[in-house]
Each structure stands twice: as C-alpha cells, then as structure tokens.
C-alpha cells in the first residue's frame, strides 16, 4: 500500500498513526507529496489533489483520513480504533477532534493566503470561535486516558491539539487549558504519536 502525505498535515498524521496502531507500518509505503504544487504522482491517483490518500494493494485510492482509518481498522491487527461496544462515544469524541483539526487548518491556510485580514472576516471569526468553543469543551471533558489502546477519538483529539500547538500556539496556553495539556503530555508518550510528530 502507498500513503500519500506530507509532514505538516494533521489529516495525514491521523492516517499514519492509524497505520502504526494497526500494525501496518511494514505494509504502508510513505509517499511524500506537495498537494499545493500539483504533485503529478498524487494527481495520478486521486483527482482532488488532497492528502492523505491511501492506495490499497488492489489499487483502490481512498482519500480522507477518517475513511482511511476505517479501512486500516478493518485490515490491521490489535485493538479496534472504533470498538463496537463504544462506537457512538468514540465517534462523537472523534468528531470533536476532527473538527478541531479542520478549524485550525482553515485558520492557518486563510492566514497564509489572506494575511492578518483573514481573522477579521466573517468566516475568520467563525473559525476562531469554533476553535475556542472546542478547546473549552475538551478542557471540561478531556478524552479518555491513554492506555493499552489508542482509539480514533484519542488519535484525532491528540493530533488536533498538537496541530494547534504547532501552528497556533497562542490559542492553547497551558494556564488556560491545564487538563488538556496534562492529557496531551501523557498521549505524547504513545510511540505512534511520537514517531509522527510535526517537524
């Protein structure tokens, strides 16, 4: 299998962590790509020029990190990323973590192309408000502790928080979010999270 990704995409990181957690590291070839420069290899496997994309051994190209994680969960080994007995709770928390990634990524991209005025727009204000509400909710109700398993809920929240800390650190001060910082420090000890850290 091939996983098209880059080093700073939170979405690609979710897919990569899922592969590691499911014991598939040896089966997944990492293909480093730049979707912003119309990477021809990426375009050849998927028309949307987005990452991540997983190309299966059968040649099927699966885009979107949550869909990739679902596929890897089916073919890999070890604990389920979405345990059937906790399906609704895990997916609900994963949706919060994924929304955190989406909002943070949108802020970063808008600032890159529009500068400081991006935050002043209606959309910019909505994105920042969504980030603030999400972080406040996670501080009040942190993810379940990291133990023997590392589910999709924990993966998405950890990657979302790490991305905010990487790209938008002023939005995640330790004194305002002590429970989140403590949870994230524990999660960062997970080998899959450590191996995929943002550079």
Protein backbone atom coordinates (compact mmCIF):
# COMPACT_ATOMS: atom_id res chain seq x y z
CA UNK A 1 0.00 0.00 0.00
CA UNK A 2 1.02 3.60 -0.54
CA UNK A 3 0.10 6.51 1.70
CA UNK A 4 0.43 9.93 0.09
CA UNK A 5 1.10 12.54 2.77
CA UNK A 6 3.17 15.49 3.88
CA UNK A 7 4.88 16.22 7.16
CA UNK A 8 2.62 19.02 8.43
CA UNK A 9 -0.89 17.86 7.53
CA UNK A 10 -2.87 16.88 10.63
CA UNK A 11 -5.15 14.77 8.45
CA UNK A 12 -2.23 12.80 7.01
CA UNK A 13 -0.89 12.32 10.52
CA UNK A 14 -4.16 10.70 11.62
CA UNK A 15 -3.88 8.18 8.79
CA UNK A 16 -0.24 7.48 9.56
CA UNK A 17 -0.94 6.95 13.27
CA UNK A 18 -3.81 4.61 12.38
CA UNK A 19 -1.43 2.53 10.24
CA UNK A 20 1.08 2.32 13.08
CA UNK A 21 -1.54 1.46 15.69
CA UNK A 22 -2.93 -1.31 13.49
CA UNK A 23 0.48 -2.93 12.95
CA UNK A 24 0.66 -1.99 9.28
CA UNK A 25 3.85 0.08 9.21
CA UNK A 26 5.72 -2.52 7.15
CA UNK A 27 2.92 -2.72 4.59
CA UNK A 28 2.49 1.02 4.04
CA UNK A 29 4.95 2.88 1.84
CA UNK A 30 5.03 6.60 2.65
CA UNK A 31 4.91 8.81 -0.45
CA UNK A 32 5.78 12.39 0.49
CA UNK A 33 3.76 14.83 -1.60
CA UNK A 34 3.06 18.53 -2.03
CA UNK A 35 -0.59 18.98 -2.98
CA UNK A 36 -0.16 22.77 -3.27
CA UNK A 37 2.21 22.33 -6.22
CA UNK A 38 0.01 20.00 -8.27
CA UNK A 39 2.09 16.93 -7.48
CA UNK A 40 1.70 14.74 -10.61
CA UNK A 41 2.06 11.47 -8.68
CA UNK A 42 -0.73 12.48 -6.31
CA UNK A 43 -2.90 13.72 -9.16
CA UNK A 44 -2.43 10.39 -10.92
CA UNK A 45 -4.05 8.50 -8.03
CA UNK A 46 -6.80 10.95 -6.98
CA UNK A 47 -8.42 13.87 -8.82
CA UNK A 48 -8.82 16.19 -5.82
CA UNK A 49 -5.12 16.76 -5.06
CA UNK A 50 -5.73 16.37 -1.34
CA UNK A 51 -3.83 14.41 1.20
CA UNK A 52 -3.86 11.89 2.66
CA UNK A 53 -4.65 9.30 0.02
CA UNK A 54 -4.14 5.59 0.63
CA UNK A 55 -3.70 3.37 -2.40
CA UNK A 56 -4.55 -0.18 -1.40
CA UNK A 57 -2.81 -3.31 -2.62
CA UNK A 58 -5.73 -3.74 -5.01
CA UNK A 59 -5.20 -0.26 -6.46
CA UNK A 60 -8.16 1.47 -4.80
CA UNK A 61 -7.41 5.09 -3.83
CA UNK A 62 -9.07 6.13 -0.56
CA UNK A 63 -8.95 9.81 0.37
CA UNK A 64 -9.89 11.45 3.70
CA UNK A 65 -8.21 10.40 6.92
CA UNK A 66 -11.30 9.05 8.69
CA UNK A 67 -12.13 6.80 5.74
CA UNK A 68 -8.53 5.62 5.59
CA UNK A 69 -8.57 4.92 9.33
CA UNK A 70 -11.76 2.90 8.92
CA UNK A 71 -10.15 0.79 6.19
CA UNK A 72 -6.96 0.25 8.18
CA UNK A 73 -9.02 -0.69 11.22
CA UNK A 74 -10.59 -3.49 9.16
CA UNK A 75 -7.38 -4.97 7.76
CA UNK A 76 -4.93 -4.41 10.62
CA UNK A 77 -4.33 -6.16 13.91
CA UNK A 78 -4.61 -5.14 17.54
CA UNK A 79 -7.32 -3.21 19.37
CA UNK A 80 -10.07 -1.66 17.26
CA UNK A 81 -9.76 2.06 16.57
CA UNK A 82 -13.54 2.22 16.99
CA UNK A 83 -14.52 -0.50 19.47
CA UNK A 84 -18.05 -1.72 18.65
CA UNK A 85 -19.17 -1.51 22.28
CA UNK A 86 -18.12 2.17 22.44
CA UNK A 87 -18.86 3.11 18.86
CA UNK A 88 -21.11 6.14 19.44
CA UNK A 89 -18.96 7.63 22.22
CA UNK A 90 -15.72 7.16 20.29
CA UNK A 91 -17.12 8.63 17.09
CA UNK A 92 -18.67 11.56 18.96
CA UNK A 93 -15.32 12.47 20.52
CA UNK A 94 -13.52 11.82 17.22
CA UNK A 95 -15.86 14.29 15.53
CA UNK A 96 -14.81 16.96 18.05
CA UNK A 97 -11.12 16.23 17.46
CA UNK A 98 -11.58 16.21 13.70
CA UNK A 99 -13.49 19.49 13.84
CA UNK A 100 -10.61 20.97 15.84
CA UNK A 101 -8.20 19.95 13.07
CA UNK A 102 -10.45 21.36 10.36
CA UNK A 103 -10.94 24.72 12.08
CA UNK A 104 -7.25 25.11 12.92
CA UNK A 105 -6.17 24.11 9.41
CA UNK A 106 -8.64 26.59 7.89
CA UNK A 107 -7.25 29.40 10.07
CA UNK A 108 -3.68 28.55 9.05
CA UNK A 109 -4.47 28.43 5.33
CA UNK A 110 -6.57 31.61 5.41
CA UNK A 111 -3.76 33.48 7.15
CA UNK A 112 -1.26 32.13 4.63
CA UNK A 113 -3.18 33.47 1.63
CA UNK A 114 -5.06 36.46 3.08
CA UNK A 115 -2.75 37.69 5.82
CA UNK A 116 -3.96 39.33 9.01
CA UNK A 117 -7.28 40.33 7.49
CA UNK A 118 -8.31 36.66 7.33
CA UNK A 119 -9.19 36.64 11.03
CA UNK A 120 -11.34 39.78 10.70
CA UNK A 121 -13.66 38.29 8.09
CA UNK A 122 -16.96 36.68 8.99
CA UNK A 123 -15.54 33.25 8.19
CA UNK A 124 -12.38 34.01 10.15
CA UNK A 125 -14.39 34.96 13.20
CA UNK A 126 -16.49 31.80 12.90
CA UNK A 127 -13.36 29.62 12.68
CA UNK A 128 -11.74 31.24 15.71
CA UNK A 129 -14.97 30.99 17.71
CA UNK A 130 -15.26 27.31 16.80
CA UNK A 131 -11.69 26.73 17.97
CA UNK A 132 -12.35 28.49 21.25
CA UNK A 133 -15.55 26.54 21.94
CA UNK A 134 -13.91 23.24 21.05
CA UNK A 135 -10.90 23.80 23.29
CA UNK A 136 -13.17 24.88 26.15
CA UNK A 137 -15.29 21.74 25.77
CA UNK A 138 -12.24 19.49 25.67
CA UNK A 139 -10.83 21.18 28.77
CA UNK A 140 -14.08 20.48 30.61
CA UNK A 141 -14.33 16.92 29.28
CA UNK A 142 -10.89 15.64 28.28
CA UNK A 143 -10.59 12.45 26.22
CA UNK A 144 -10.40 9.11 28.00
CA UNK A 145 -6.94 8.34 29.37
CA UNK A 146 -4.44 6.74 27.04
CA UNK A 147 -4.00 3.09 27.97
CA UNK A 148 -3.37 -0.15 26.14
CA UNK A 149 -5.40 1.03 23.17
CA UNK A 150 -5.35 4.30 21.26
CA UNK A 151 -8.70 4.78 19.60
CA UNK A 152 -9.81 7.12 16.85
CA UNK A 153 -11.21 9.53 19.44
CA UNK A 154 -7.86 9.84 21.19
CA UNK A 155 -5.96 10.00 17.90
CA UNK A 156 -8.00 12.86 16.42
CA UNK A 157 -8.00 14.91 19.62
CA UNK A 158 -4.27 14.42 20.18
CA UNK A 159 -3.42 15.36 16.59
CA UNK A 160 -5.80 18.33 16.70
CA UNK A 161 -4.22 19.65 19.89
CA UNK A 162 -0.71 19.07 18.60
CA UNK A 163 -1.56 20.91 15.38
CA UNK A 164 -2.91 23.90 17.32
CA UNK A 165 0.20 23.89 19.48
CA UNK A 166 2.39 23.61 16.36
CA UNK A 167 0.71 26.26 14.18
CA UNK A 168 -1.39 28.40 16.55
CA UNK A 169 0.28 28.15 19.95
CA UNK A 170 -1.21 31.39 21.27
CA UNK A 171 -4.64 29.73 21.19
CA UNK A 172 -3.60 26.95 23.59
CA UNK A 173 -1.86 28.48 26.60
CA UNK A 174 -1.05 25.99 29.33
CA UNK A 175 -2.52 28.12 32.12
CA UNK A 176 -5.89 28.32 30.35
CA UNK A 177 -6.06 24.61 29.49
CA UNK A 178 -4.19 22.70 32.23
CA UNK A 179 -6.22 19.49 31.92
CA UNK A 180 -5.74 19.38 28.14
CA UNK A 181 -2.01 19.98 28.42
CA UNK A 182 -1.71 17.21 31.02
CA UNK A 183 -3.68 14.80 28.85
CA UNK A 184 -1.64 15.68 25.78
CA UNK A 185 1.66 15.20 27.59
CA UNK A 186 0.54 11.68 28.53
CA UNK A 187 -0.65 10.99 24.97
CA UNK A 188 2.65 12.17 23.52
CA UNK A 189 4.35 9.19 25.13
CA UNK A 190 2.47 6.93 22.74
CA UNK A 191 5.04 5.59 20.22
CA UNK A 192 2.79 6.27 17.22
CA UNK A 193 2.29 9.89 18.24
CA UNK A 194 5.97 10.38 18.99
CA UNK A 195 7.06 8.83 15.68
CA UNK A 196 4.79 11.10 13.64
CA UNK A 197 5.36 14.39 15.46
CA UNK A 198 5.20 17.61 13.44
CA UNK A 199 8.60 18.88 12.32
